[in-house]
Amino acid sequence: MTAATNARTLNLNARKLRSLLTGLAFISPAIIGFLAFAAWPIVQSLYYSFTDYNVLQPPIFIGLENYRDLLNDRVYGIALRNTLYMVFIGLPIHLIFDFLMALLLATQIRGLSIYRTIFYLPSITPVVAATIVWLWLFNGQYGILNVFLEWLGLQRIGWLTDPRFTKPSLIFMGLWFGGNTILIYLAGLRDVPVSLLEAAELDGANALRKTWHVTLPMMSPVIFYTIIINVIGYFQYFTEAWVLTATRDGSAGGPLNSMLFYAMYLYQSAFQLFKMGYASAQAWILFAIVLLATAVLFRTSGWVYYRSEE
């Protein structure tokens, strides 16, 4: 009996091993691609962050000098502050606006599908093309926004030339690109139990109270997800500001670098100044900041309500 049992065990283990090797063979292209194009470059960038490397010459190990230089880099500080401005001010404005739009688009009104299409269309428009359109809208002399202000009897605004208005202009423009988040919120609103809304209405709750005490708690997992995704995305804010401010000589950032963001400065360091070691150090600091922000969000997620807890 023991010999037969051992034989069956060996056969079973052999079949499991063959199944494992077959599965690994099928996914080996993905594994090789990940190791070659993701894992290895990540390890290299960590090493380069401790070196003086300009691509054309071999890297020279300099220890923590790149990180020390970043602490004394005035432009780097400006880029970091601009990015934090968008994360802490721009992102909440965008998420609140998208949630309110989702609430409006969730109502039963005539032509609702047309309105939903209108709000989602900008999300499938190429960002560069849409930003160029906004570049004309923000034009100080011919832009329609300043024409509208003059029609109201107000003074023209230097949307992209006055440092006081550059980042608010980006926030205002960002409201145009909220279709994906609105779509996520719409899907979450469909999952809010109608019975709870009806019970709240029977208890005398108005629309505002139903939204605050029923809809928001039920939507909290969806809201938490969009916060996490958008925080990561806003720390990498790049395309819109680059298109609006890039000049023929390759510089970007707007007046007084008021629209120079972290990812833009990293790009300039790496691919315009060829300071790859310096750019790698910036990338790893950004990784640490995003990791810390994500950890803080998860640690403070006690307000998120999951229906499985019932």
Protein backbone atom coordinates (compact mmCIF):
# COMPACT_ATOMS: atom_id res chain seq x y z
CA MET A 1 0.00 0.00 0.00
CA THR A 2 2.83 2.37 0.85
CA ALA A 3 4.59 1.81 -2.47
CA ALA A 4 1.34 2.34 -4.40
CA THR A 5 0.58 5.49 -2.46
CA ASN A 6 4.06 6.87 -3.08
CA ALA A 7 3.72 6.10 -6.79
CA ARG A 8 0.39 7.93 -7.00
CA THR A 9 1.91 10.88 -5.13
CA LEU A 10 4.88 10.99 -7.50
CA ASN A 11 2.58 10.83 -10.53
CA LEU A 12 0.42 13.62 -9.09
CA ASN A 13 3.46 15.77 -8.41
CA ALA A 14 4.80 15.09 -11.90
CA ARG A 15 1.48 16.17 -13.46
CA LYS A 16 1.47 19.34 -11.34
CA LEU A 17 5.04 20.10 -12.40
CA ARG A 18 4.18 19.56 -16.08
CA SER A 19 1.13 21.83 -15.72
CA LEU A 20 3.28 24.49 -14.04
CA LEU A 21 5.95 24.31 -16.74
CA THR A 22 3.29 24.44 -19.48
CA GLY A 23 1.69 27.49 -17.91
CA LEU A 24 5.07 29.21 -17.53
CA ALA A 25 5.89 28.43 -21.16
CA PHE A 26 2.67 30.11 -22.31
CA ILE A 27 3.24 33.25 -20.22
CA SER A 28 7.00 33.35 -20.78
CA PRO A 29 6.76 36.15 -23.42
CA ALA A 30 5.00 38.36 -20.87
CA ILE A 31 7.51 37.43 -18.14
CA ILE A 32 10.48 38.11 -20.41
CA GLY A 33 8.97 41.38 -21.57
CA PHE A 34 8.32 42.50 -17.99
CA LEU A 35 11.85 41.62 -16.87
CA ALA A 36 13.50 43.23 -19.92
CA PHE A 37 11.38 46.36 -20.32
CA ALA A 38 10.15 47.06 -16.77
CA ALA A 39 12.05 45.34 -13.97
CA TRP A 40 15.55 45.79 -15.38
CA PRO A 41 15.09 49.50 -16.30
CA ILE A 42 13.75 50.12 -12.78
CA VAL A 43 16.86 48.56 -11.25
CA GLN A 44 19.07 50.51 -13.66
CA SER A 45 17.38 53.81 -12.81
CA LEU A 46 17.98 53.19 -9.12
CA TYR A 47 21.68 52.67 -9.82
CA TYR A 48 21.85 55.69 -12.14
CA SER A 49 20.33 57.89 -9.42
CA PHE A 50 23.63 57.48 -7.55
CA THR A 51 25.75 58.31 -10.59
CA ASP A 52 26.74 61.14 -12.89
CA TYR A 53 25.45 59.81 -16.21
CA ASN A 54 24.90 61.69 -19.47
CA VAL A 55 24.15 58.70 -21.77
CA LEU A 56 27.21 59.36 -23.95
CA GLN A 57 29.76 58.36 -21.31
CA PRO A 58 29.84 55.56 -18.73
CA PRO A 59 28.14 56.41 -15.41
CA ILE A 60 30.36 57.61 -12.58
CA PHE A 61 29.26 56.70 -9.06
CA ILE A 62 28.81 59.83 -6.91
CA GLY A 63 26.69 58.51 -4.03
CA LEU A 64 23.92 60.79 -2.74
CA GLU A 65 25.14 63.90 -4.56
CA ASN A 66 22.17 63.99 -6.96
CA TYR A 67 19.74 63.90 -4.04
CA ARG A 68 21.65 66.64 -2.21
CA ASP A 69 21.66 68.79 -5.34
CA LEU A 70 17.89 68.42 -5.63
CA LEU A 71 17.45 69.86 -2.14
CA ASN A 72 19.27 73.00 -3.28
CA ASP A 73 17.68 73.20 -6.74
CA ARG A 74 15.34 76.21 -6.81
CA VAL A 75 13.63 75.14 -10.05
CA TYR A 76 13.03 71.67 -8.66
CA GLY A 77 11.31 73.25 -5.64
CA ILE A 78 9.09 75.29 -7.93
CA ALA A 79 8.13 72.21 -9.94
CA LEU A 80 7.32 70.28 -6.76
CA ARG A 81 5.18 73.10 -5.36
CA ASN A 82 3.28 73.47 -8.63
CA THR A 83 2.57 69.75 -8.65
CA LEU A 84 1.37 69.77 -5.05
CA TYR A 85 -0.89 72.73 -5.93
CA MET A 86 -2.59 70.63 -8.60
CA VAL A 87 -2.89 67.62 -6.28
CA PHE A 88 -4.30 69.47 -3.27
CA ILE A 89 -6.35 72.16 -5.04
CA GLY A 90 -6.95 71.10 -8.63
CA LEU A 91 -7.81 67.47 -7.95
CA PRO A 92 -10.52 68.09 -5.29
CA ILE A 93 -12.16 70.67 -7.57
CA HIS A 94 -12.17 68.22 -10.47
CA LEU A 95 -13.53 65.31 -8.41
CA ILE A 96 -16.31 67.41 -6.86
CA PHE A 97 -17.27 68.79 -10.28
CA ASP A 98 -17.28 65.31 -11.84
CA PHE A 99 -19.43 63.93 -9.01
CA LEU A 100 -21.95 66.76 -9.36
CA MET A 101 -22.09 66.20 -13.12
CA ALA A 102 -22.66 62.48 -12.53
CA LEU A 103 -25.55 63.28 -10.19
CA LEU A 104 -27.11 65.48 -12.85
CA LEU A 105 -26.59 62.90 -15.57
CA ALA A 106 -28.16 60.21 -13.38
CA THR A 107 -31.50 62.01 -13.32
CA GLN A 108 -34.31 60.92 -15.59
CA ILE A 109 -34.69 63.78 -18.06
CA ARG A 110 -35.39 63.92 -21.78
CA GLY A 111 -32.32 63.63 -24.00
CA LEU A 112 -30.17 62.20 -21.21
CA SER A 113 -28.13 60.02 -23.59
CA ILE A 114 -27.22 63.12 -25.62
CA TYR A 115 -25.96 64.96 -22.53
CA ARG A 116 -23.94 61.93 -21.43
CA THR A 117 -22.35 61.75 -24.87
CA ILE A 118 -21.48 65.45 -24.80
CA PHE A 119 -19.74 65.11 -21.44
CA TYR A 120 -17.84 61.98 -22.43
CA LEU A 121 -16.67 63.07 -25.91
CA PRO A 122 -13.74 65.21 -24.64
CA SER A 123 -12.29 62.11 -22.96
CA ILE A 124 -11.81 60.35 -26.28
CA THR A 125 -10.42 63.46 -27.98
CA PRO A 126 -6.59 63.42 -28.23
CA VAL A 127 -5.27 65.47 -25.33
CA VAL A 128 -2.78 67.38 -27.48
CA ALA A 129 -5.44 68.41 -30.01
CA ALA A 130 -7.89 69.48 -27.32
CA THR A 131 -5.18 71.43 -25.49
CA ILE A 132 -4.29 73.35 -28.66
CA VAL A 133 -7.94 74.37 -28.93
CA TRP A 134 -7.78 75.62 -25.35
CA LEU A 135 -4.57 77.48 -26.21
CA TRP A 136 -6.65 79.60 -28.58
CA LEU A 137 -9.46 79.96 -26.08
CA PHE A 138 -6.95 81.28 -23.54
CA ASN A 139 -5.37 83.69 -26.02
CA GLY A 140 -5.04 87.11 -24.40
CA GLN A 141 -6.07 89.09 -27.49
CA TYR A 142 -8.37 86.88 -29.53
CA GLY A 143 -9.48 84.20 -27.08
CA ILE A 144 -13.21 83.79 -26.66
CA LEU A 145 -12.89 83.76 -22.87
CA ASN A 146 -11.56 87.32 -22.81
CA VAL A 147 -14.14 88.38 -25.40
CA PHE A 148 -16.83 87.03 -23.08
CA LEU A 149 -15.31 88.90 -20.11
CA GLU A 150 -15.32 92.15 -22.10
CA TRP A 151 -18.92 91.53 -23.06
CA LEU A 152 -19.69 91.36 -19.33
CA GLY A 153 -17.80 94.61 -18.77
CA LEU A 154 -14.89 92.90 -17.00
CA GLN A 155 -11.17 93.28 -17.56
CA ARG A 156 -9.19 90.91 -19.73
CA ILE A 157 -7.21 88.17 -17.95
CA GLY A 158 -3.79 86.91 -18.93
CA TRP A 159 -4.76 83.26 -18.61
CA LEU A 160 -1.37 81.95 -19.68
CA THR A 161 0.78 85.05 -19.20
CA ASP A 162 -0.06 86.08 -15.64
CA PRO A 163 1.47 83.70 -13.03
CA ARG A 164 -1.55 84.30 -10.78
CA PHE A 165 -3.92 82.72 -13.31
CA THR A 166 -1.85 80.04 -15.03
CA LYS A 167 -2.60 77.14 -12.65
CA PRO A 168 -6.28 78.16 -12.18
CA SER A 169 -6.48 78.14 -15.99
CA LEU A 170 -5.19 74.57 -16.04
CA ILE A 171 -7.74 73.60 -13.40
CA PHE A 172 -10.52 75.25 -15.40
CA MET A 173 -9.39 73.44 -18.56
CA GLY A 174 -9.19 70.14 -16.67
CA LEU A 175 -12.94 70.22 -16.05
CA TRP A 176 -13.28 69.52 -19.76
CA PHE A 177 -11.49 66.15 -19.48
CA GLY A 178 -13.53 64.56 -16.68
CA GLY A 179 -15.58 62.19 -18.80
CA ASN A 180 -13.90 58.99 -17.60
CA THR A 181 -14.38 59.87 -13.94
CA ILE A 182 -17.98 60.90 -14.59
CA LEU A 183 -18.57 57.54 -16.25
CA ILE A 184 -17.17 55.71 -13.20
CA TYR A 185 -19.40 57.75 -10.89
CA LEU A 186 -22.43 57.03 -13.07
CA ALA A 187 -21.74 53.31 -12.79
CA GLY A 188 -21.42 53.65 -9.02
CA LEU A 189 -24.68 55.61 -8.74
CA ARG A 190 -26.54 52.78 -10.43
CA ASP A 191 -25.42 50.52 -7.59
CA VAL A 192 -26.89 52.71 -4.85
CA PRO A 193 -29.85 50.76 -3.36
CA VAL A 194 -33.12 52.38 -4.39
CA SER A 195 -34.73 51.02 -1.22
CA LEU A 196 -32.46 53.16 0.95
CA LEU A 197 -33.27 56.28 -1.06
CA GLU A 198 -37.00 55.56 -0.80
CA ALA A 199 -36.72 54.93 2.95
CA ALA A 200 -34.88 58.24 3.40
CA GLU A 201 -37.55 60.01 1.37
CA LEU A 202 -40.30 58.48 3.53
CA ASP A 203 -38.45 59.79 6.58
CA GLY A 204 -38.69 63.31 5.15
CA ALA A 205 -35.17 63.66 3.76
CA ASN A 206 -34.78 66.15 0.92
CA ALA A 207 -32.48 65.67 -2.10
CA LEU A 208 -29.46 67.16 -0.32
CA ARG A 209 -29.87 64.96 2.76
CA LYS A 210 -30.39 61.85 0.64
CA THR A 211 -27.19 62.63 -1.25
CA TRP A 212 -25.20 63.28 1.94
CA HIS A 213 -26.49 60.44 4.11
CA VAL A 214 -27.23 57.73 1.52
CA THR A 215 -25.60 58.33 -1.84
CA LEU A 216 -22.17 59.43 -0.61
CA PRO A 217 -21.70 56.54 1.88
CA MET A 218 -22.79 54.03 -0.75
CA MET A 219 -20.47 55.67 -3.28
CA SER A 220 -17.48 55.93 -0.93
CA PRO A 221 -15.58 52.90 -2.38
CA VAL A 222 -15.92 54.35 -5.88
CA ILE A 223 -14.89 57.81 -4.69
CA PHE A 224 -11.89 56.33 -2.88
CA TYR A 225 -10.84 54.50 -6.05
CA THR A 226 -11.00 57.68 -8.15
CA ILE A 227 -9.01 59.58 -5.52
CA ILE A 228 -6.22 56.99 -5.56
CA ILE A 229 -6.05 56.80 -9.36
CA ASN A 230 -6.16 60.56 -9.84
CA VAL A 231 -3.61 61.33 -7.12
CA ILE A 232 -1.15 59.06 -8.92
CA GLY A 233 -2.04 60.69 -12.23
CA TYR A 234 -1.80 64.28 -10.99
CA PHE A 235 1.69 63.72 -9.58
CA GLN A 236 2.62 62.92 -13.20
CA TYR A 237 0.85 65.96 -14.67
CA PHE A 238 2.58 66.73 -17.96
CA THR A 239 0.85 66.85 -21.34
CA GLU A 240 -1.51 69.82 -21.00
CA ALA A 241 1.05 72.13 -19.39
CA TRP A 242 3.75 71.11 -21.87
CA VAL A 243 1.57 71.79 -24.92
CA LEU A 244 0.44 75.15 -23.55
CA THR A 245 3.93 76.40 -22.65
CA ALA A 246 6.47 74.65 -24.91
CA THR A 247 8.54 77.01 -27.05
CA ARG A 248 10.62 76.47 -30.16
CA ASP A 249 13.86 76.25 -28.19
CA GLY A 250 12.44 73.31 -26.19
CA SER A 251 11.85 75.15 -22.93
CA ALA A 252 8.51 75.00 -21.13
CA GLY A 253 6.93 76.08 -17.89
CA GLY A 254 5.18 79.37 -18.59
CA PRO A 255 5.84 82.73 -16.94
CA LEU A 256 8.15 82.44 -13.92
CA ASN A 257 7.88 78.65 -14.26
CA SER A 258 4.35 78.86 -12.87
CA MET A 259 3.31 75.91 -15.06
CA LEU A 260 6.46 73.82 -14.63
CA PHE A 261 5.46 70.51 -13.07
CA TYR A 262 7.47 67.66 -11.65
CA ALA A 263 7.22 65.37 -14.69
CA MET A 264 8.11 68.25 -17.02
CA TYR A 265 11.28 69.09 -15.10
CA LEU A 266 12.19 65.40 -14.98
CA TYR A 267 11.76 65.20 -18.76
CA GLN A 268 13.90 68.28 -19.30
CA SER A 269 16.65 66.93 -17.06
CA ALA A 270 16.69 63.54 -18.80
CA PHE A 271 16.05 64.25 -22.49
CA GLN A 272 17.08 67.88 -22.99
CA LEU A 273 19.99 68.29 -20.57
CA PHE A 274 20.92 64.57 -20.67
CA LYS A 275 21.40 64.49 -16.91
CA MET A 276 20.13 60.92 -16.59
CA GLY A 277 21.49 60.39 -13.09
CA TYR A 278 19.84 63.59 -11.89
CA ALA A 279 16.55 62.65 -13.60
CA SER A 280 16.68 59.15 -12.08
CA ALA A 281 17.00 60.66 -8.62
CA GLN A 282 13.95 62.83 -9.35
CA ALA A 283 12.03 59.77 -10.52
CA TRP A 284 12.78 57.83 -7.34
CA ILE A 285 11.82 60.78 -5.14
CA LEU A 286 8.55 61.01 -7.07
CA PHE A 287 8.02 57.29 -6.54
CA ALA A 288 8.57 57.74 -2.79
CA ILE A 289 6.15 60.70 -2.67
CA VAL A 290 3.43 58.81 -4.54
CA LEU A 291 3.96 55.73 -2.38
CA LEU A 292 3.69 57.84 0.78
CA ALA A 293 0.57 59.63 -0.47
CA THR A 294 -1.08 56.32 -1.37
CA ALA A 295 -0.19 54.83 2.03
CA VAL A 296 -1.64 57.86 3.82
CA LEU A 297 -4.86 57.59 1.81
CA PHE A 298 -5.24 53.92 2.71
CA ARG A 299 -4.45 54.61 6.38
CA THR A 300 -7.13 57.31 6.49
CA SER A 301 -9.75 55.32 4.55
CA GLY A 302 -11.96 54.68 7.58
CA TRP A 303 -14.67 56.79 5.96
CA VAL A 304 -15.03 54.24 3.15
CA TYR A 305 -18.11 52.04 3.62
CA TYR A 306 -18.18 48.56 2.09
CA ARG A 307 -21.56 46.86 1.84
CA SER A 308 -19.94 43.50 2.61
CA GLU A 309 -19.50 44.79 6.18
CA GLU A 310 -23.27 44.49 6.73
